[in-house]
PDB file of N, CA and C in Angstrom:
ATOM      1  N   MET A   1       0.825  -1.193   0.000  1.00  0.00           N
ATOM      2  CA  MET A   1       0.000   0.000   0.000  1.00  0.00           C
ATOM      3  C   MET A   1       0.868   1.255   0.000  1.00  0.00           C
ATOM      4  N   LYS A   2       1.957   1.219   0.798  1.00  0.00           N
ATOM      5  CA  LYS A   2       2.847   2.369   0.829  1.00  0.00           C
ATOM      6  C   LYS A   2       3.476   2.601  -0.539  1.00  0.00           C
ATOM      7  N   ARG A   3       3.848   1.524  -1.160  1.00  0.00           N
ATOM      8  CA  ARG A   3       4.492   1.631  -2.465  1.00  0.00           C
ATOM      9  C   ARG A   3       3.509   2.202  -3.496  1.00  0.00           C
ATOM     10  N   PHE A   4       2.274   1.764  -3.436  1.00  0.00           N
ATOM     11  CA  PHE A   4       1.251   2.251  -4.352  1.00  0.00           C
ATOM     12  C   PHE A   4       1.032   3.751  -4.178  1.00  0.00           C
ATOM     13  N   LEU A   5       0.946   4.198  -2.925  1.00  0.00           N
ATOM     14  CA  LEU A   5       0.746   5.620  -2.656  1.00  0.00           C
ATOM     15  C   LEU A   5       1.951   6.444  -3.099  1.00  0.00           C
ATOM     16  N   SER A   6       3.138   5.920  -2.876  1.00  0.00           N
ATOM     17  CA  SER A   6       4.323   6.667  -3.283  1.00  0.00           C
ATOM     18  C   SER A   6       4.418   6.756  -4.807  1.00  0.00           C
ATOM     19  N   VAL A   7       4.034   5.687  -5.501  1.00  0.00           N
ATOM     20  CA  VAL A   7       4.040   5.711  -6.965  1.00  0.00           C
ATOM     21  C   VAL A   7       2.989   6.695  -7.476  1.00  0.00           C
ATOM     22  N   CYS A   8       1.806   6.696  -6.864  1.00  0.00           N
ATOM     23  CA  CYS A   8       0.755   7.643  -7.264  1.00  0.00           C
ATOM     24  C   CYS A   8       1.203   9.086  -7.034  1.00  0.00           C
ATOM     25  N   PHE A   9       1.838   9.332  -5.903  1.00  0.00           N
ATOM     26  CA  PHE A   9       2.334  10.675  -5.603  1.00  0.00           C
ATOM     27  C   PHE A   9       3.395  11.090  -6.614  1.00  0.00           C
ATOM     28  N   LEU A  10       4.284  10.175  -6.943  1.00  0.00           N
ATOM     29  CA  LEU A  10       5.332  10.460  -7.910  1.00  0.00           C
ATOM     30  C   LEU A  10       4.751  10.766  -9.286  1.00  0.00           C
ATOM     31  N   VAL A  11       3.785   9.983  -9.720  1.00  0.00           N
ATOM     32  CA  VAL A  11       3.165  10.200 -11.025  1.00  0.00           C
ATOM     33  C   VAL A  11       2.419  11.528 -11.046  1.00  0.00           C
ATOM     34  N   CYS A  12       1.672  11.802  -9.994  1.00  0.00           N
ATOM     35  CA  CYS A  12       0.925  13.066  -9.933  1.00  0.00           C
ATOM     36  C   CYS A  12       1.869  14.265  -9.933  1.00  0.00           C
ATOM     37  N   SER A  13       2.954  14.186  -9.195  1.00  0.00           N
ATOM     38  CA  SER A  13       3.887  15.313  -9.157  1.00  0.00           C
ATOM     39  C   SER A  13       4.583  15.499 -10.499  1.00  0.00           C
ATOM     40  N   ILE A  14       4.917  14.408 -11.178  1.00  0.00           N
ATOM     41  CA  ILE A  14       5.543  14.527 -12.499  1.00  0.00           C
ATOM     42  C   ILE A  14       4.563  15.148 -13.490  1.00  0.00           C
ATOM     43  N   VAL A  15       3.325  14.712 -13.443  1.00  0.00           N
ATOM     44  CA  VAL A  15       2.318  15.261 -14.351  1.00  0.00           C
ATOM     45  C   VAL A  15       2.091  16.740 -14.046  1.00  0.00           C
ATOM     46  N   PHE A  16       1.957  17.078 -12.775  1.00  0.00           N
ATOM     47  CA  PHE A  16       1.698  18.465 -12.389  1.00  0.00           C
ATOM     48  C   PHE A  16       2.849  19.377 -12.796  1.00  0.00           C
ATOM     49  N   PHE A  17       4.071  19.016 -12.412  1.00  0.00           N
ATOM     50  CA  PHE A  17       5.220  19.860 -12.724  1.00  0.00           C
ATOM     51  C   PHE A  17       5.578  19.798 -14.203  1.00  0.00           C
ATOM     52  N   GLY A  18       5.352  18.678 -14.845  1.00  0.00           N
ATOM     53  CA  GLY A  18       5.649  18.555 -16.261  1.00  0.00           C
ATOM     54  C   GLY A  18       4.750  19.420 -17.114  1.00  0.00           C
ATOM     55  N   ILE A  19       3.506  19.569 -16.697  1.00  0.00           N
ATOM     56  CA  ILE A  19       2.566  20.395 -17.456  1.00  0.00           C
ATOM     57  C   ILE A  19       2.757  21.875 -17.139  1.00  0.00           C
ATOM     58  N   SER A  20       3.018  22.200 -15.898  1.00  0.00           N
ATOM     59  CA  SER A  20       3.047  23.607 -15.507  1.00  0.00           C
ATOM     60  C   SER A  20       4.378  24.290 -15.816  1.00  0.00           C
ATOM     61  N   LEU A  21       5.476  23.587 -15.883  1.00  0.00           N
ATOM     62  CA  LEU A  21       6.763  24.232 -16.096  1.00  0.00           C
ATOM     63  C   LEU A  21       6.900  24.903 -17.459  1.00  0.00           C
ATOM     64  N   PRO A  22       6.547  24.273 -18.570  1.00  0.00           N
ATOM     65  CA  PRO A  22       6.701  24.975 -19.844  1.00  0.00           C
ATOM     66  C   PRO A  22       5.837  26.227 -19.950  1.00  0.00           C
ATOM     67  N   ARG A  23       4.649  26.184 -19.378  1.00  0.00           N
ATOM     68  CA  ARG A  23       3.787  27.366 -19.420  1.00  0.00           C
ATOM     69  C   ARG A  23       4.297  28.443 -18.483  1.00  0.00           C
ATOM     70  N   ALA A  24       4.883  28.053 -17.368  1.00  0.00           N
ATOM     71  CA  ALA A  24       5.335  29.023 -16.375  1.00  0.00           C
ATOM     72  C   ALA A  24       6.472  29.877 -16.915  1.00  0.00           C
ATOM     73  N   GLU A  25       7.295  29.328 -17.753  1.00  0.00           N
ATOM     74  CA  GLU A  25       8.415  30.098 -18.281  1.00  0.00           C
ATOM     75  C   GLU A  25       7.947  31.228 -19.182  1.00  0.00           C
ATOM     76  N   THR A  26       6.899  31.014 -19.937  1.00  0.00           N
ATOM     77  CA  THR A  26       6.437  32.047 -20.856  1.00  0.00           C
ATOM     78  C   THR A  26       5.545  33.077 -20.184  1.00  0.00           C
ATOM     79  N   SER A  27       4.868  32.703 -19.126  1.00  0.00           N
ATOM     80  CA  SER A  27       3.922  33.632 -18.513  1.00  0.00           C
ATOM     81  C   SER A  27       4.346  34.087 -17.124  1.00  0.00           C
ATOM     82  N   LEU A  28       5.618  33.958 -16.798  1.00  0.00           N
ATOM     83  CA  LEU A  28       6.096  34.350 -15.481  1.00  0.00           C
ATOM     84  C   LEU A  28       6.190  35.866 -15.400  1.00  0.00           C
ATOM     85  N   LYS A  29       5.482  36.434 -14.451  1.00  0.00           N
ATOM     86  CA  LYS A  29       5.520  37.869 -14.237  1.00  0.00           C
ATOM     87  C   LYS A  29       5.788  38.118 -12.765  1.00  0.00           C
ATOM     88  N   ILE A  30       6.606  39.083 -12.492  1.00  0.00           N
ATOM     89  CA  ILE A  30       6.957  39.413 -11.117  1.00  0.00           C
ATOM     90  C   ILE A  30       6.422  40.801 -10.819  1.00  0.00           C
ATOM     91  N   GLY A  31       5.684  40.913  -9.740  1.00  0.00           N
ATOM     92  CA  GLY A  31       5.124  42.196  -9.350  1.00  0.00           C
ATOM     93  C   GLY A  31       5.781  42.704  -8.079  1.00  0.00           C
ATOM     94  N   VAL A  32       5.866  44.014  -7.961  1.00  0.00           N
ATOM     95  CA  VAL A  32       6.456  44.637  -6.786  1.00  0.00           C
ATOM     96  C   VAL A  32       5.435  45.606  -6.208  1.00  0.00           C
ATOM     97  N   PHE A  33       5.218  45.526  -4.917  1.00  0.00           N
ATOM     98  CA  PHE A  33       4.307  46.432  -4.229  1.00  0.00           C
ATOM     99  C   PHE A  33       5.116  47.444  -3.435  1.00  0.00           C
ATOM    100  N   ASP A  34       4.846  48.707  -3.662  1.00  0.00           N
ATOM    101  CA  ASP A  34       5.473  49.765  -2.877  1.00  0.00           C
ATOM    102  C   ASP A  34       4.533  50.074  -1.720  1.00  0.00           C
ATOM    103  N   LEU A  35       4.801  49.467  -0.576  1.00  0.00           N
ATOM    104  CA  LEU A  35       3.901  49.574   0.564  1.00  0.00           C
ATOM    105  C   LEU A  35       3.816  51.001   1.094  1.00  0.00           C
ATOM    106  N   GLN A  36       4.918  51.742   1.061  1.00  0.00           N
ATOM    107  CA  GLN A  36       4.892  53.128   1.530  1.00  0.00           C
ATOM    108  C   GLN A  36       3.965  53.976   0.665  1.00  0.00           C
ATOM    109  N   LYS A  37       4.029  53.773  -0.636  1.00  0.00           N
ATOM    110  CA  LYS A  37       3.179  54.538  -1.553  1.00  0.00           C
ATOM    111  C   LYS A  37       1.712  54.182  -1.340  1.00  0.00           C
ATOM    112  N   ILE A  38       1.440  52.910  -1.150  1.00  0.00           N
ATOM    113  CA  ILE A  38       0.061  52.474  -0.915  1.00  0.00           C
ATOM    114  C   ILE A  38      -0.475  53.082   0.370  1.00  0.00           C
ATOM    115  N   MET A  39       0.344  53.083   1.423  1.00  0.00           N
ATOM    116  CA  MET A  39      -0.096  53.630   2.706  1.00  0.00           C
ATOM    117  C   MET A  39      -0.324  55.135   2.638  1.00  0.00           C
ATOM    118  N   GLN A  40       0.381  55.822   1.760  1.00  0.00           N
ATOM    119  CA  GLN A  40       0.231  57.269   1.658  1.00  0.00           C
ATOM    120  C   GLN A  40      -0.898  57.689   0.729  1.00  0.00           C
ATOM    121  N   GLU A  41      -1.137  56.932  -0.344  1.00  0.00           N
ATOM    122  CA  GLU A  41      -2.058  57.384  -1.380  1.00  0.00           C
ATOM    123  C   GLU A  41      -3.406  56.681  -1.405  1.00  0.00           C
ATOM    124  N   SER A  42      -3.560  55.604  -0.674  1.00  0.00           N
ATOM    125  CA  SER A  42      -4.799  54.845  -0.728  1.00  0.00           C
ATOM    126  C   SER A  42      -5.928  55.588  -0.016  1.00  0.00           C
ATOM    127  N   LYS A  43      -7.079  55.683  -0.663  1.00  0.00           N
ATOM    128  CA  LYS A  43      -8.230  56.356  -0.066  1.00  0.00           C
ATOM    129  C   LYS A  43      -8.749  55.587   1.140  1.00  0.00           C
ATOM    130  N   ILE A  44      -8.763  54.284   1.029  1.00  0.00           N
ATOM    131  CA  ILE A  44      -9.268  53.451   2.130  1.00  0.00           C
ATOM    132  C   ILE A  44      -8.373  53.582   3.356  1.00  0.00           C
ATOM    133  N   ILE A  45      -7.070  53.573   3.135  1.00  0.00           N
ATOM    134  CA  ILE A  45      -6.134  53.722   4.253  1.00  0.00           C
ATOM    135  C   ILE A  45      -6.299  55.092   4.900  1.00  0.00           C
ATOM    136  N   LYS A  46      -6.525  56.126   4.103  1.00  0.00           N
ATOM    137  CA  LYS A  46      -6.737  57.460   4.657  1.00  0.00           C
ATOM    138  C   LYS A  46      -7.982  57.495   5.532  1.00  0.00           C
ATOM    139  N   GLU A  47      -9.051  56.819   5.080  1.00  0.00           N
ATOM    140  CA  GLU A  47     -10.276  56.774   5.878  1.00  0.00           C
ATOM    141  C   GLU A  47     -10.045  56.035   7.190  1.00  0.00           C
ATOM    142  N   TYR A  48      -9.350  54.907   7.130  1.00  0.00           N
ATOM    143  CA  TYR A  48      -9.049  54.157   8.353  1.00  0.00           C
ATOM    144  C   TYR A  48      -8.179  54.975   9.299  1.00  0.00           C
ATOM    145  N   ARG A  49      -7.223  55.711   8.738  1.00  0.00           N
ATOM    146  CA  ARG A  49      -6.342  56.522   9.571  1.00  0.00           C
ATOM    147  C   ARG A  49      -7.136  57.625  10.268  1.00  0.00           C
ATOM    148  N   GLN A  50      -8.073  58.254   9.540  1.00  0.00           N
ATOM    149  CA  GLN A  50      -8.895  59.300  10.153  1.00  0.00           C
ATOM    150  C   GLN A  50      -9.768  58.733  11.272  1.00  0.00           C
ATOM    151  N   LYS A  51     -10.348  57.552  11.026  1.00  0.00           N
ATOM    152  CA  LYS A  51     -11.167  56.925  12.062  1.00  0.00           C
ATOM    153  C   LYS A  51     -10.325  56.561  13.277  1.00  0.00           C
ATOM    154  N   LEU A  52      -9.128  56.074  13.037  1.00  0.00           N
ATOM    155  CA  LEU A  52      -8.242  55.694  14.134  1.00  0.00           C
ATOM    156  C   LEU A  52      -7.864  56.912  14.960  1.00  0.00           C
ATOM    157  N   PHE A  53      -7.475  58.010  14.302  1.00  0.00           N
ATOM    158  CA  PHE A  53      -7.105  59.214  15.039  1.00  0.00           C
ATOM    159  C   PHE A  53      -8.290  59.801  15.787  1.00  0.00           C
ATOM    160  N   ALA A  54      -9.477  59.714  15.211  1.00  0.00           N
ATOM    161  CA  ALA A  54     -10.664  60.202  15.906  1.00  0.00           C
ATOM    162  C   ALA A  54     -10.935  59.351  17.144  1.00  0.00           C
ATOM    163  N   ASP A  55     -10.767  58.066  17.010  1.00  0.00           N
ATOM    164  CA  ASP A  55     -10.967  57.168  18.144  1.00  0.00           C
ATOM    165  C   ASP A  55      -9.918  57.409  19.231  1.00  0.00           C
ATOM    166  N   VAL A  56      -8.704  57.630  18.824  1.00  0.00           N
ATOM    167  CA  VAL A  56      -7.633  57.902  19.783  1.00  0.00           C
ATOM    168  C   VAL A  56      -7.897  59.209  20.520  1.00  0.00           C
ATOM    169  N   GLU A  57      -8.347  60.215  19.800  1.00  0.00           N
ATOM    170  CA  GLU A  57      -8.631  61.501  20.436  1.00  0.00           C
ATOM    171  C   GLU A  57      -9.772  61.393  21.445  1.00  0.00           C
ATOM    172  N   THR A  58     -10.805  60.615  21.119  1.00  0.00           N
ATOM    173  CA  THR A  58     -11.920  60.482  22.063  1.00  0.00           C
ATOM    174  C   THR A  58     -11.469  59.753  23.327  1.00  0.00           C
ATOM    175  N   LYS A  59     -10.511  58.867  23.209  1.00  0.00           N
ATOM    176  CA  LYS A  59     -10.006  58.161  24.396  1.00  0.00           C
ATOM    177  C   LYS A  59      -8.934  58.964  25.122  1.00  0.00           C
ATOM    178  N   ARG A  60      -8.280  59.868  24.406  1.00  0.00           N
ATOM    179  CA  ARG A  60      -7.226  60.651  25.016  1.00  0.00           C
ATOM    180  C   ARG A  60      -7.783  61.789  25.866  1.00  0.00           C
ATOM    181  N   LYS A  61      -8.934  62.340  25.501  1.00  0.00           N
ATOM    182  CA  LYS A  61      -9.523  63.472  26.227  1.00  0.00           C
ATOM    183  C   LYS A  61      -9.805  63.119  27.694  1.00  0.00           C
ATOM    184  N   PRO A  62     -10.478  62.009  27.978  1.00  0.00           N
ATOM    185  CA  PRO A  62     -10.708  61.711  29.407  1.00  0.00           C
ATOM    186  C   PRO A  62      -9.407  61.464  30.178  1.00  0.00           C
ATOM    187  N   LEU A  63      -8.440  60.899  29.524  1.00  0.00           N
ATOM    188  CA  LEU A  63      -7.170  60.671  30.222  1.00  0.00           C
ATOM    189  C   LEU A  63      -6.455  61.989  30.523  1.00  0.00           C
ATOM    190  N   SER A  64      -6.485  62.907  29.586  1.00  0.00           N
ATOM    191  CA  SER A  64      -5.833  64.195  29.836  1.00  0.00           C
ATOM    192  C   SER A  64      -6.579  64.989  30.905  1.00  0.00           C
ATOM    193  N   GLU A  65      -7.907  64.825  30.988  1.00  0.00           N
ATOM    194  CA  GLU A  65      -8.681  65.505  32.036  1.00  0.00           C
ATOM    195  C   GLU A  65      -8.365  64.939  33.405  1.00  0.00           C
ATOM    196  N   LYS A  66      -8.113  63.629  33.472  1.00  0.00           N
ATOM    197  CA  LYS A  66      -7.789  63.002  34.755  1.00  0.00           C
ATOM    198  C   LYS A  66      -6.407  63.393  35.238  1.00  0.00           C
ATOM    199  N   GLU A  67      -5.524  63.752  34.315  1.00  0.00           N
ATOM    200  CA  GLU A  67      -4.179  64.178  34.726  1.00  0.00           C
ATOM    201  C   GLU A  67      -4.278  65.500  35.462  1.00  0.00           C
TER     202      GLU A  67
END
């Protein structure tokens, strides 16, 4: 049974890699994300940042009053 499973795994991996490798060479694309630019220019991030600062300010006011 072990031998059968190992042979099946070997055949499946050869078929999978044998089919995908020739196509991968022609369609390989590498993308780069500039995280700093995304954090500065994204509208969604700006909205989250505004909500976060508003939340921080509402929690900071009672603490500053207690001081």
